Amino acid sequence: MRRRNRGSGEGVLIDLTSLLDVIFILLMVVAVGMITAGNESQATREELQVQTVETQQKREMYEEMLETQNAVQEYIWEASVRVPYDPNTLMNRKILLLNEGEELLEIELNGSDVQAGLDTFTETLSEFIEEHADRPVILVLNEEDEKILYRDEVAVNEILLNMARKYNNVYIRGGAGE
C-alpha cells in the first residue's frame, strides 16, 4: 500500500466546470439586462423627444393666444364703475371709475342731493368715451363688489344705459345692461 503525502498536491484535481457555467450564466444575464436597459432608455429618449415637440407646439399656441389677448385689450377700452359705501356713513359716498385697476376718476356723492355728483360723473364719462371713440368701450358696474345702495345702482345704471344709447361704441356688461 502506498501512502500519499497530503502536502504534495500531486494527484489533486479541481473541477472548475460548474464554476465556469455559473460565471457564463451571470455574464449572459448581465448582457441581456444591458440590452434591455439600452432599449428602454432609447424608448424613453424617443418619448421625451415627442413630449418636447408637443410642449413646444403648445407653448407657441399659448404665446399666440396671449398676443391676441393683448392686442384685443389694447383695442378695447374697458372701465369699471364702482359705487362703494360704508353703512356707517351713508350720506358720504363716492363713484369710482377704474381702468385696469387704476383709478381714473373719483366723484363724491355728499348728502341726500347727489345730482351734482351724478352730473359731473356723466360729463366726465362722456369725455372718456369721446376720447376713445375709435374703439369699443365696455362699461362694467360694480364688478367684483356687491356693496352698492339701490338708489345709487339705479342712478348709475341709468347713466350707463344713456351712454350706450348716445354712443354707438359703448357696451354695458353687468347691471341693467345684461
N, C-alpha and C. Protein backbone atom coordinates (compact mmCIF):
# COMPACT_ATOMS: atom_id res chain seq x y z
N MET A 1 0.81 -1.15 0.00
CA MET A 1 0.00 0.00 0.00
C MET A 1 0.87 1.24 0.00
N ARG A 2 0.40 2.17 -0.75
CA ARG A 2 1.18 3.40 -0.87
C ARG A 2 0.52 4.49 -0.06
N ARG A 3 1.29 5.21 0.52
CA ARG A 3 0.78 6.36 1.27
C ARG A 3 0.95 7.61 0.44
N ARG A 4 -0.04 8.39 0.49
CA ARG A 4 0.05 9.66 -0.21
C ARG A 4 0.42 10.72 0.79
N ASN A 5 1.19 11.56 0.31
CA ASN A 5 1.60 12.68 1.14
C ASN A 5 0.57 13.81 0.95
N ARG A 6 0.00 14.19 1.99
CA ARG A 6 -1.06 15.20 1.90
C ARG A 6 -0.54 16.54 1.41
N GLY A 7 0.54 16.93 1.68
CA GLY A 7 1.04 18.25 1.35
C GLY A 7 1.63 18.36 -0.03
N SER A 8 1.77 17.32 -0.75
CA SER A 8 2.46 17.39 -2.03
C SER A 8 1.60 17.99 -3.12
N GLY A 9 0.30 17.85 -3.09
CA GLY A 9 -0.61 18.43 -4.07
C GLY A 9 -0.64 17.65 -5.35
N GLU A 10 0.08 16.61 -5.47
CA GLU A 10 0.03 15.81 -6.68
C GLU A 10 -1.22 14.95 -6.67
N GLY A 11 -1.80 14.85 -7.80
CA GLY A 11 -2.95 13.99 -7.93
C GLY A 11 -4.25 14.65 -7.50
N VAL A 12 -4.21 15.90 -7.11
CA VAL A 12 -5.44 16.58 -6.71
C VAL A 12 -6.00 17.25 -7.95
N LEU A 13 -7.21 16.97 -8.22
CA LEU A 13 -7.85 17.53 -9.40
C LEU A 13 -9.04 18.38 -8.95
N ILE A 14 -9.06 19.66 -9.36
CA ILE A 14 -10.17 20.57 -9.02
C ILE A 14 -11.02 20.72 -10.27
N ASP A 15 -12.29 20.46 -10.13
CA ASP A 15 -13.21 20.55 -11.26
C ASP A 15 -13.83 21.95 -11.28
N LEU A 16 -13.46 22.76 -12.28
CA LEU A 16 -13.95 24.14 -12.41
C LEU A 16 -15.10 24.27 -13.41
N THR A 17 -15.62 23.21 -13.91
CA THR A 17 -16.66 23.25 -14.93
C THR A 17 -17.92 23.93 -14.41
N SER A 18 -18.36 23.57 -13.24
CA SER A 18 -19.60 24.16 -12.72
C SER A 18 -19.39 25.65 -12.40
N LEU A 19 -18.20 26.05 -11.95
CA LEU A 19 -17.91 27.46 -11.68
C LEU A 19 -17.94 28.26 -12.98
N LEU A 20 -17.37 27.70 -14.04
CA LEU A 20 -17.40 28.37 -15.35
C LEU A 20 -18.83 28.48 -15.86
N ASP A 21 -19.64 27.46 -15.63
CA ASP A 21 -21.04 27.52 -16.03
C ASP A 21 -21.78 28.67 -15.33
N VAL A 22 -21.53 28.82 -14.05
CA VAL A 22 -22.19 29.88 -13.27
C VAL A 22 -21.73 31.25 -13.77
N ILE A 23 -20.44 31.41 -14.00
CA ILE A 23 -19.92 32.68 -14.49
C ILE A 23 -20.49 33.00 -15.87
N PHE A 24 -20.59 31.98 -16.74
CA PHE A 24 -21.15 32.19 -18.07
C PHE A 24 -22.62 32.60 -17.98
N ILE A 25 -23.37 31.97 -17.11
CA ILE A 25 -24.79 32.33 -16.93
C ILE A 25 -24.92 33.77 -16.42
N LEU A 26 -24.07 34.14 -15.45
CA LEU A 26 -24.09 35.51 -14.93
C LEU A 26 -23.76 36.52 -16.03
N LEU A 27 -22.79 36.22 -16.87
CA LEU A 27 -22.44 37.10 -17.98
C LEU A 27 -23.62 37.26 -18.95
N MET A 28 -24.30 36.16 -19.20
CA MET A 28 -25.45 36.22 -20.10
C MET A 28 -26.57 37.09 -19.50
N VAL A 29 -26.83 36.93 -18.21
CA VAL A 29 -27.87 37.72 -17.55
C VAL A 29 -27.52 39.21 -17.60
N VAL A 30 -26.27 39.54 -17.31
CA VAL A 30 -25.83 40.94 -17.34
C VAL A 30 -25.95 41.50 -18.75
N ALA A 31 -25.55 40.75 -19.76
CA ALA A 31 -25.61 41.21 -21.15
C ALA A 31 -27.05 41.45 -21.58
N VAL A 32 -27.94 40.51 -21.25
CA VAL A 32 -29.36 40.68 -21.60
C VAL A 32 -29.94 41.88 -20.86
N GLY A 33 -29.58 42.06 -19.59
CA GLY A 33 -30.05 43.22 -18.82
C GLY A 33 -29.58 44.53 -19.42
N MET A 34 -28.34 44.57 -19.90
CA MET A 34 -27.83 45.80 -20.52
C MET A 34 -28.52 46.08 -21.84
N ILE A 35 -28.80 45.06 -22.61
CA ILE A 35 -29.50 45.25 -23.88
C ILE A 35 -30.92 45.76 -23.61
N THR A 36 -31.60 45.16 -22.63
CA THR A 36 -32.95 45.59 -22.27
C THR A 36 -32.94 47.03 -21.77
N ALA A 37 -31.98 47.35 -20.90
CA ALA A 37 -31.89 48.72 -20.39
C ALA A 37 -31.60 49.70 -21.51
N GLY A 38 -30.77 49.32 -22.45
CA GLY A 38 -30.48 50.18 -23.60
C GLY A 38 -31.72 50.42 -24.44
N ASN A 39 -32.50 49.37 -24.66
CA ASN A 39 -33.75 49.51 -25.43
C ASN A 39 -34.75 50.40 -24.70
N GLU A 40 -34.86 50.22 -23.39
CA GLU A 40 -35.77 51.04 -22.59
C GLU A 40 -35.34 52.49 -22.59
N SER A 41 -34.04 52.74 -22.47
CA SER A 41 -33.57 54.13 -22.47
C SER A 41 -33.78 54.77 -23.84
N GLN A 42 -33.64 54.01 -24.91
CA GLN A 42 -33.90 54.53 -26.26
C GLN A 42 -35.38 54.89 -26.40
N ALA A 43 -36.26 54.01 -25.90
CA ALA A 43 -37.69 54.29 -25.96
C ALA A 43 -38.02 55.53 -25.11
N THR A 44 -37.40 55.65 -23.98
CA THR A 44 -37.62 56.81 -23.12
C THR A 44 -37.15 58.08 -23.81
N ARG A 45 -35.99 58.03 -24.46
CA ARG A 45 -35.48 59.20 -25.20
C ARG A 45 -36.44 59.61 -26.31
N GLU A 46 -36.96 58.63 -27.04
CA GLU A 46 -37.90 58.92 -28.12
C GLU A 46 -39.18 59.54 -27.56
N GLU A 47 -39.67 59.01 -26.44
CA GLU A 47 -40.87 59.55 -25.81
C GLU A 47 -40.64 60.98 -25.34
N LEU A 48 -39.48 61.24 -24.76
CA LEU A 48 -39.15 62.59 -24.32
C LEU A 48 -39.07 63.56 -25.50
N GLN A 49 -38.54 63.10 -26.62
CA GLN A 49 -38.48 63.96 -27.80
C GLN A 49 -39.88 64.31 -28.29
N VAL A 50 -40.79 63.33 -28.29
CA VAL A 50 -42.17 63.58 -28.71
C VAL A 50 -42.82 64.57 -27.76
N GLN A 51 -42.64 64.38 -26.46
CA GLN A 51 -43.21 65.29 -25.47
C GLN A 51 -42.62 66.69 -25.60
N THR A 52 -41.34 66.79 -25.91
CA THR A 52 -40.71 68.09 -26.09
C THR A 52 -41.32 68.82 -27.28
N VAL A 53 -41.55 68.12 -28.37
CA VAL A 53 -42.17 68.73 -29.55
C VAL A 53 -43.59 69.19 -29.22
N GLU A 54 -44.36 68.34 -28.54
CA GLU A 54 -45.72 68.70 -28.17
C GLU A 54 -45.73 69.92 -27.25
N THR A 55 -44.82 69.94 -26.29
CA THR A 55 -44.74 71.06 -25.36
C THR A 55 -44.39 72.34 -26.11
N GLN A 56 -43.47 72.28 -27.03
CA GLN A 56 -43.09 73.45 -27.82
C GLN A 56 -44.28 73.96 -28.64
N GLN A 57 -45.05 73.05 -29.23
CA GLN A 57 -46.22 73.44 -30.01
C GLN A 57 -47.26 74.12 -29.13
N LYS A 58 -47.50 73.56 -27.94
CA LYS A 58 -48.46 74.16 -27.02
C LYS A 58 -47.98 75.53 -26.56
N ARG A 59 -46.69 75.66 -26.31
CA ARG A 59 -46.13 76.94 -25.89
C ARG A 59 -46.34 78.00 -26.97
N GLU A 60 -46.08 77.64 -28.22
CA GLU A 60 -46.28 78.57 -29.33
C GLU A 60 -47.75 78.97 -29.44
N MET A 61 -48.65 77.99 -29.25
CA MET A 61 -50.08 78.27 -29.32
C MET A 61 -50.48 79.25 -28.22
N TYR A 62 -50.00 79.02 -26.98
CA TYR A 62 -50.33 79.90 -25.87
C TYR A 62 -49.74 81.29 -26.07
N GLU A 63 -48.55 81.38 -26.64
CA GLU A 63 -47.96 82.69 -26.92
C GLU A 63 -48.81 83.45 -27.94
N GLU A 64 -49.31 82.75 -28.95
CA GLU A 64 -50.18 83.39 -29.94
C GLU A 64 -51.48 83.86 -29.29
N MET A 65 -52.03 83.02 -28.40
CA MET A 65 -53.26 83.40 -27.71
C MET A 65 -53.03 84.64 -26.83
N LEU A 66 -51.88 84.68 -26.15
CA LEU A 66 -51.55 85.81 -25.30
C LEU A 66 -51.37 87.08 -26.12
N GLU A 67 -50.71 86.97 -27.27
CA GLU A 67 -50.55 88.13 -28.15
C GLU A 67 -51.90 88.63 -28.63
N THR A 68 -52.80 87.70 -28.98
CA THR A 68 -54.14 88.08 -29.43
C THR A 68 -54.90 88.78 -28.31
N GLN A 69 -54.80 88.23 -27.10
CA GLN A 69 -55.50 88.83 -25.97
C GLN A 69 -54.95 90.23 -25.70
N ASN A 70 -53.63 90.40 -25.75
CA ASN A 70 -53.05 91.72 -25.53
C ASN A 70 -53.48 92.69 -26.61
N ALA A 71 -53.56 92.23 -27.85
CA ALA A 71 -54.00 93.10 -28.94
C ALA A 71 -55.45 93.51 -28.72
N VAL A 72 -56.29 92.59 -28.27
CA VAL A 72 -57.70 92.91 -28.01
C VAL A 72 -57.80 93.91 -26.87
N GLN A 73 -57.01 93.71 -25.81
CA GLN A 73 -57.05 94.63 -24.67
C GLN A 73 -56.58 96.03 -25.06
N GLU A 74 -55.62 96.10 -25.99
CA GLU A 74 -55.18 97.41 -26.45
C GLU A 74 -56.25 98.07 -27.31
N TYR A 75 -57.05 97.27 -27.99
CA TYR A 75 -58.06 97.81 -28.87
C TYR A 75 -59.33 98.20 -28.12
N ILE A 76 -59.71 97.42 -27.13
CA ILE A 76 -60.94 97.68 -26.37
C ILE A 76 -60.60 98.47 -25.11
N TRP A 77 -61.39 99.48 -24.82
CA TRP A 77 -61.22 100.24 -23.59
C TRP A 77 -62.32 99.81 -22.63
N GLU A 78 -61.93 99.27 -21.49
CA GLU A 78 -62.89 98.79 -20.51
C GLU A 78 -62.73 99.59 -19.23
N ALA A 79 -63.86 100.03 -18.71
CA ALA A 79 -63.84 100.79 -17.46
C ALA A 79 -64.81 100.15 -16.48
N SER A 80 -64.39 100.12 -15.25
CA SER A 80 -65.22 99.58 -14.19
C SER A 80 -65.71 100.75 -13.35
N VAL A 81 -67.03 100.79 -13.13
CA VAL A 81 -67.63 101.84 -12.31
C VAL A 81 -68.02 101.21 -10.98
N ARG A 82 -67.51 101.78 -9.91
CA ARG A 82 -67.84 101.27 -8.57
C ARG A 82 -68.46 102.39 -7.75
N VAL A 83 -69.45 102.00 -6.97
CA VAL A 83 -70.10 102.95 -6.08
C VAL A 83 -70.13 102.31 -4.69
N PRO A 84 -68.98 102.25 -4.03
CA PRO A 84 -68.94 101.61 -2.71
C PRO A 84 -69.54 102.53 -1.64
N TYR A 85 -69.94 101.93 -0.56
CA TYR A 85 -70.45 102.72 0.56
C TYR A 85 -70.09 102.03 1.87
N ASP A 86 -70.08 102.82 2.90
CA ASP A 86 -69.85 102.33 4.25
C ASP A 86 -71.17 102.49 4.99
N PRO A 87 -71.71 101.41 5.58
CA PRO A 87 -73.00 101.51 6.26
C PRO A 87 -73.02 102.57 7.36
N ASN A 88 -71.86 102.92 7.88
CA ASN A 88 -71.80 103.92 8.94
C ASN A 88 -71.88 105.34 8.40
N THR A 89 -71.51 105.54 7.15
CA THR A 89 -71.52 106.89 6.56
C THR A 89 -72.28 106.86 5.24
N LEU A 90 -73.59 106.63 5.31
CA LEU A 90 -74.40 106.53 4.10
C LEU A 90 -74.56 107.87 3.39
N MET A 91 -74.34 108.96 4.08
CA MET A 91 -74.51 110.26 3.46
C MET A 91 -73.29 110.67 2.64
N ASN A 92 -72.15 110.03 2.85
CA ASN A 92 -70.94 110.36 2.11
C ASN A 92 -70.47 109.14 1.33
N ARG A 93 -70.77 109.15 0.04
CA ARG A 93 -70.38 108.04 -0.83
C ARG A 93 -69.56 108.61 -1.97
N LYS A 94 -69.09 107.73 -2.85
CA LYS A 94 -68.32 108.19 -4.00
C LYS A 94 -68.52 107.24 -5.17
N ILE A 95 -68.26 107.78 -6.36
CA ILE A 95 -68.27 106.98 -7.58
C ILE A 95 -66.83 106.89 -8.04
N LEU A 96 -66.37 105.66 -8.32
CA LEU A 96 -65.01 105.44 -8.82
C LEU A 96 -65.07 104.92 -10.24
N LEU A 97 -64.25 105.49 -11.10
CA LEU A 97 -64.10 104.99 -12.47
C LEU A 97 -62.69 104.43 -12.57
N LEU A 98 -62.59 103.11 -12.86
CA LEU A 98 -61.30 102.42 -12.88
C LEU A 98 -61.05 101.82 -14.25
N ASN A 99 -59.79 101.85 -14.66
CA ASN A 99 -59.37 101.19 -15.90
C ASN A 99 -58.16 100.35 -15.57
N GLU A 100 -58.28 99.02 -15.74
CA GLU A 100 -57.21 98.07 -15.42
C GLU A 100 -56.69 98.27 -14.00
N GLY A 101 -57.61 98.51 -13.07
CA GLY A 101 -57.25 98.63 -11.66
C GLY A 101 -56.77 100.01 -11.27
N GLU A 102 -56.49 100.88 -12.23
CA GLU A 102 -56.04 102.23 -11.92
C GLU A 102 -57.24 103.16 -11.82
N GLU A 103 -57.23 103.99 -10.80
CA GLU A 103 -58.34 104.92 -10.60
C GLU A 103 -58.19 106.09 -11.57
N LEU A 104 -59.21 106.28 -12.40
CA LEU A 104 -59.22 107.38 -13.35
C LEU A 104 -59.96 108.59 -12.79
N LEU A 105 -60.95 108.30 -11.95
CA LEU A 105 -61.83 109.36 -11.50
C LEU A 105 -62.47 108.97 -10.18
N GLU A 106 -62.63 109.96 -9.30
CA GLU A 106 -63.36 109.76 -8.05
C GLU A 106 -64.25 110.97 -7.85
N ILE A 107 -65.55 110.73 -7.74
CA ILE A 107 -66.51 111.81 -7.56
C ILE A 107 -67.27 111.56 -6.26
N GLU A 108 -67.32 112.58 -5.43
CA GLU A 108 -68.01 112.48 -4.14
C GLU A 108 -69.51 112.64 -4.32
N LEU A 109 -70.27 111.83 -3.59
CA LEU A 109 -71.72 111.95 -3.53
C LEU A 109 -72.05 112.29 -2.08
N ASN A 110 -72.26 113.57 -1.80
CA ASN A 110 -72.47 114.02 -0.42
C ASN A 110 -73.93 114.36 -0.17
N GLY A 111 -74.40 113.95 0.99
CA GLY A 111 -75.75 114.30 1.41
C GLY A 111 -76.81 113.51 0.67
N SER A 112 -78.04 114.00 0.77
CA SER A 112 -79.13 113.32 0.10
C SER A 112 -79.30 113.81 -1.33
N ASP A 113 -78.77 114.99 -1.68
CA ASP A 113 -78.85 115.51 -3.04
C ASP A 113 -77.52 115.19 -3.74
N VAL A 114 -77.52 114.13 -4.51
CA VAL A 114 -76.30 113.67 -5.17
C VAL A 114 -76.31 113.98 -6.66
N GLN A 115 -77.29 114.77 -7.10
CA GLN A 115 -77.43 115.04 -8.53
C GLN A 115 -76.21 115.76 -9.10
N ALA A 116 -75.61 116.65 -8.34
CA ALA A 116 -74.43 117.37 -8.84
C ALA A 116 -73.29 116.38 -9.10
N GLY A 117 -73.10 115.44 -8.21
CA GLY A 117 -72.06 114.42 -8.40
C GLY A 117 -72.36 113.53 -9.59
N LEU A 118 -73.62 113.15 -9.76
CA LEU A 118 -74.01 112.31 -10.90
C LEU A 118 -73.83 113.06 -12.22
N ASP A 119 -74.15 114.37 -12.22
CA ASP A 119 -73.94 115.18 -13.43
C ASP A 119 -72.46 115.26 -13.78
N THR A 120 -71.60 115.45 -12.77
CA THR A 120 -70.16 115.50 -13.00
C THR A 120 -69.67 114.17 -13.54
N PHE A 121 -70.18 113.08 -12.99
CA PHE A 121 -69.81 111.74 -13.47
C PHE A 121 -70.23 111.56 -14.92
N THR A 122 -71.43 111.98 -15.27
CA THR A 122 -71.93 111.85 -16.64
C THR A 122 -71.05 112.63 -17.62
N GLU A 123 -70.72 113.86 -17.27
CA GLU A 123 -69.87 114.69 -18.14
C GLU A 123 -68.49 114.07 -18.32
N THR A 124 -67.89 113.65 -17.22
CA THR A 124 -66.54 113.09 -17.28
C THR A 124 -66.52 111.78 -18.05
N LEU A 125 -67.53 110.94 -17.83
CA LEU A 125 -67.61 109.68 -18.55
C LEU A 125 -67.79 109.93 -20.05
N SER A 126 -68.60 110.93 -20.40
CA SER A 126 -68.76 111.28 -21.82
C SER A 126 -67.43 111.69 -22.44
N GLU A 127 -66.63 112.43 -21.70
CA GLU A 127 -65.31 112.85 -22.20
C GLU A 127 -64.41 111.63 -22.44
N PHE A 128 -64.41 110.70 -21.50
CA PHE A 128 -63.60 109.49 -21.67
C PHE A 128 -64.06 108.69 -22.89
N ILE A 129 -65.37 108.57 -23.06
CA ILE A 129 -65.90 107.82 -24.20
C ILE A 129 -65.54 108.50 -25.51
N GLU A 130 -65.64 109.81 -25.55
CA GLU A 130 -65.29 110.55 -26.77
C GLU A 130 -63.80 110.45 -27.07
N GLU A 131 -62.96 110.38 -26.03
CA GLU A 131 -61.51 110.19 -26.24
C GLU A 131 -61.23 108.84 -26.89
N HIS A 132 -62.07 107.87 -26.61
CA HIS A 132 -61.87 106.52 -27.14
C HIS A 132 -62.94 106.17 -28.17
N ALA A 133 -63.33 107.14 -28.97
CA ALA A 133 -64.40 106.94 -29.96
C ALA A 133 -63.99 105.98 -31.07
N ASP A 134 -62.70 105.75 -31.24
CA ASP A 134 -62.21 104.88 -32.31
C ASP A 134 -62.24 103.40 -31.96
N ARG A 135 -62.66 103.06 -30.76
CA ARG A 135 -62.67 101.66 -30.35
C ARG A 135 -63.86 101.37 -29.45
N PRO A 136 -64.19 100.11 -29.27
CA PRO A 136 -65.30 99.77 -28.37
C PRO A 136 -64.98 100.12 -26.93
N VAL A 137 -65.99 100.60 -26.22
CA VAL A 137 -65.86 100.94 -24.81
C VAL A 137 -66.82 100.05 -24.04
N ILE A 138 -66.28 99.30 -23.10
CA ILE A 138 -67.10 98.40 -22.27
C ILE A 138 -67.16 98.99 -20.87
N LEU A 139 -68.36 99.18 -20.37
CA LEU A 139 -68.56 99.73 -19.03
C LEU A 139 -69.14 98.64 -18.14
N VAL A 140 -68.58 98.50 -16.96
CA VAL A 140 -68.99 97.47 -16.01
C VAL A 140 -69.34 98.15 -14.70
N LEU A 141 -70.49 97.82 -14.13
CA LEU A 141 -70.91 98.40 -12.86
C LEU A 141 -70.63 97.43 -11.72
N ASN A 142 -69.89 97.91 -10.74
CA ASN A 142 -69.59 97.18 -9.50
C ASN A 142 -69.09 95.76 -9.73
N GLU A 143 -68.13 95.63 -10.61
CA GLU A 143 -67.51 94.33 -10.86
C GLU A 143 -66.78 93.88 -9.61
N GLU A 144 -67.04 92.66 -9.17
CA GLU A 144 -66.40 92.04 -8.00
C GLU A 144 -66.73 92.76 -6.69
N ASP A 145 -67.77 93.59 -6.67
CA ASP A 145 -68.13 94.29 -5.45
C ASP A 145 -69.64 94.39 -5.40
N GLU A 146 -70.26 93.72 -4.48
CA GLU A 146 -71.72 93.68 -4.40
C GLU A 146 -72.29 94.81 -3.55
N LYS A 147 -71.47 95.53 -2.81
CA LYS A 147 -71.97 96.55 -1.89
C LYS A 147 -72.27 97.83 -2.65
N ILE A 148 -73.55 98.08 -2.89
CA ILE A 148 -73.99 99.29 -3.55
C ILE A 148 -75.40 99.59 -3.06
N LEU A 149 -75.67 100.86 -2.82
CA LEU A 149 -77.02 101.24 -2.45
C LEU A 149 -77.91 101.14 -3.67
N TYR A 150 -79.13 100.72 -3.45
CA TYR A 150 -80.05 100.52 -4.56
C TYR A 150 -80.25 101.81 -5.35
N ARG A 151 -80.41 102.93 -4.65
CA ARG A 151 -80.66 104.21 -5.36
C ARG A 151 -79.45 104.61 -6.19
N ASP A 152 -78.23 104.31 -5.69
CA ASP A 152 -77.03 104.61 -6.48
C ASP A 152 -76.94 103.68 -7.69
N GLU A 153 -77.29 102.42 -7.49
CA GLU A 153 -77.24 101.46 -8.59
C GLU A 153 -78.20 101.86 -9.70
N VAL A 154 -79.41 102.28 -9.33
CA VAL A 154 -80.41 102.69 -10.33
C VAL A 154 -79.92 103.92 -11.07
N ALA A 155 -79.38 104.90 -10.35
CA ALA A 155 -78.93 106.14 -10.98
C ALA A 155 -77.75 105.91 -11.92
N VAL A 156 -76.78 105.14 -11.48
CA VAL A 156 -75.59 104.90 -12.31
C VAL A 156 -75.95 104.01 -13.49
N ASN A 157 -76.80 103.01 -13.30
CA ASN A 157 -77.26 102.17 -14.42
C ASN A 157 -77.95 103.02 -15.47
N GLU A 158 -78.77 103.96 -15.04
CA GLU A 158 -79.46 104.84 -15.99
C GLU A 158 -78.44 105.67 -16.79
N ILE A 159 -77.41 106.15 -16.12
CA ILE A 159 -76.36 106.91 -16.81
C ILE A 159 -75.66 106.02 -17.84
N LEU A 160 -75.33 104.81 -17.44
CA LEU A 160 -74.63 103.90 -18.35
C LEU A 160 -75.51 103.54 -19.55
N LEU A 161 -76.79 103.30 -19.31
CA LEU A 161 -77.71 102.99 -20.41
C LEU A 161 -77.84 104.18 -21.37
N ASN A 162 -77.89 105.38 -20.82
CA ASN A 162 -77.94 106.58 -21.67
C ASN A 162 -76.68 106.70 -22.51
N MET A 163 -75.52 106.35 -21.94
CA MET A 163 -74.26 106.40 -22.70
C MET A 163 -74.29 105.38 -23.84
N ALA A 164 -74.86 104.21 -23.57
CA ALA A 164 -74.95 103.17 -24.61
C ALA A 164 -75.89 103.61 -25.72
N ARG A 165 -76.95 104.35 -25.37
CA ARG A 165 -77.87 104.85 -26.39
C ARG A 165 -77.24 105.99 -27.19
N LYS A 166 -76.48 106.82 -26.52
CA LYS A 166 -75.90 108.01 -27.15
C LYS A 166 -74.72 107.68 -28.06
N TYR A 167 -73.87 106.74 -27.61
CA TYR A 167 -72.65 106.41 -28.36
C TYR A 167 -72.76 104.98 -28.91
N ASN A 168 -72.41 104.83 -30.18
CA ASN A 168 -72.50 103.51 -30.82
C ASN A 168 -71.41 102.55 -30.37
N ASN A 169 -70.33 103.07 -29.79
CA ASN A 169 -69.21 102.22 -29.40
C ASN A 169 -69.25 101.81 -27.93
N VAL A 170 -70.33 102.09 -27.22
CA VAL A 170 -70.42 101.80 -25.78
C VAL A 170 -71.26 100.55 -25.56
N TYR A 171 -70.72 99.65 -24.75
CA TYR A 171 -71.40 98.40 -24.39
C TYR A 171 -71.36 98.26 -22.88
N ILE A 172 -72.43 97.72 -22.32
CA ILE A 172 -72.52 97.58 -20.87
C ILE A 172 -72.50 96.11 -20.52
N ARG A 173 -71.68 95.80 -19.54
CA ARG A 173 -71.60 94.42 -19.04
C ARG A 173 -72.01 94.46 -17.57
N GLY A 174 -72.99 93.66 -17.20
CA GLY A 174 -73.46 93.64 -15.83
C GLY A 174 -74.58 94.65 -15.61
N GLY A 175 -75.24 94.57 -14.46
CA GLY A 175 -76.29 95.53 -14.12
C GLY A 175 -77.46 95.45 -15.09
N ALA A 176 -78.03 96.61 -15.42
CA ALA A 176 -79.22 96.67 -16.27
C ALA A 176 -78.88 96.40 -17.73
N GLY A 177 -77.60 96.41 -18.06
CA GLY A 177 -77.21 96.19 -19.45
C GLY A 177 -77.25 94.76 -19.88
N GLU A 178 -77.33 93.79 -18.97
CA GLU A 178 -77.32 92.37 -19.33
C GLU A 178 -78.64 91.94 -19.92
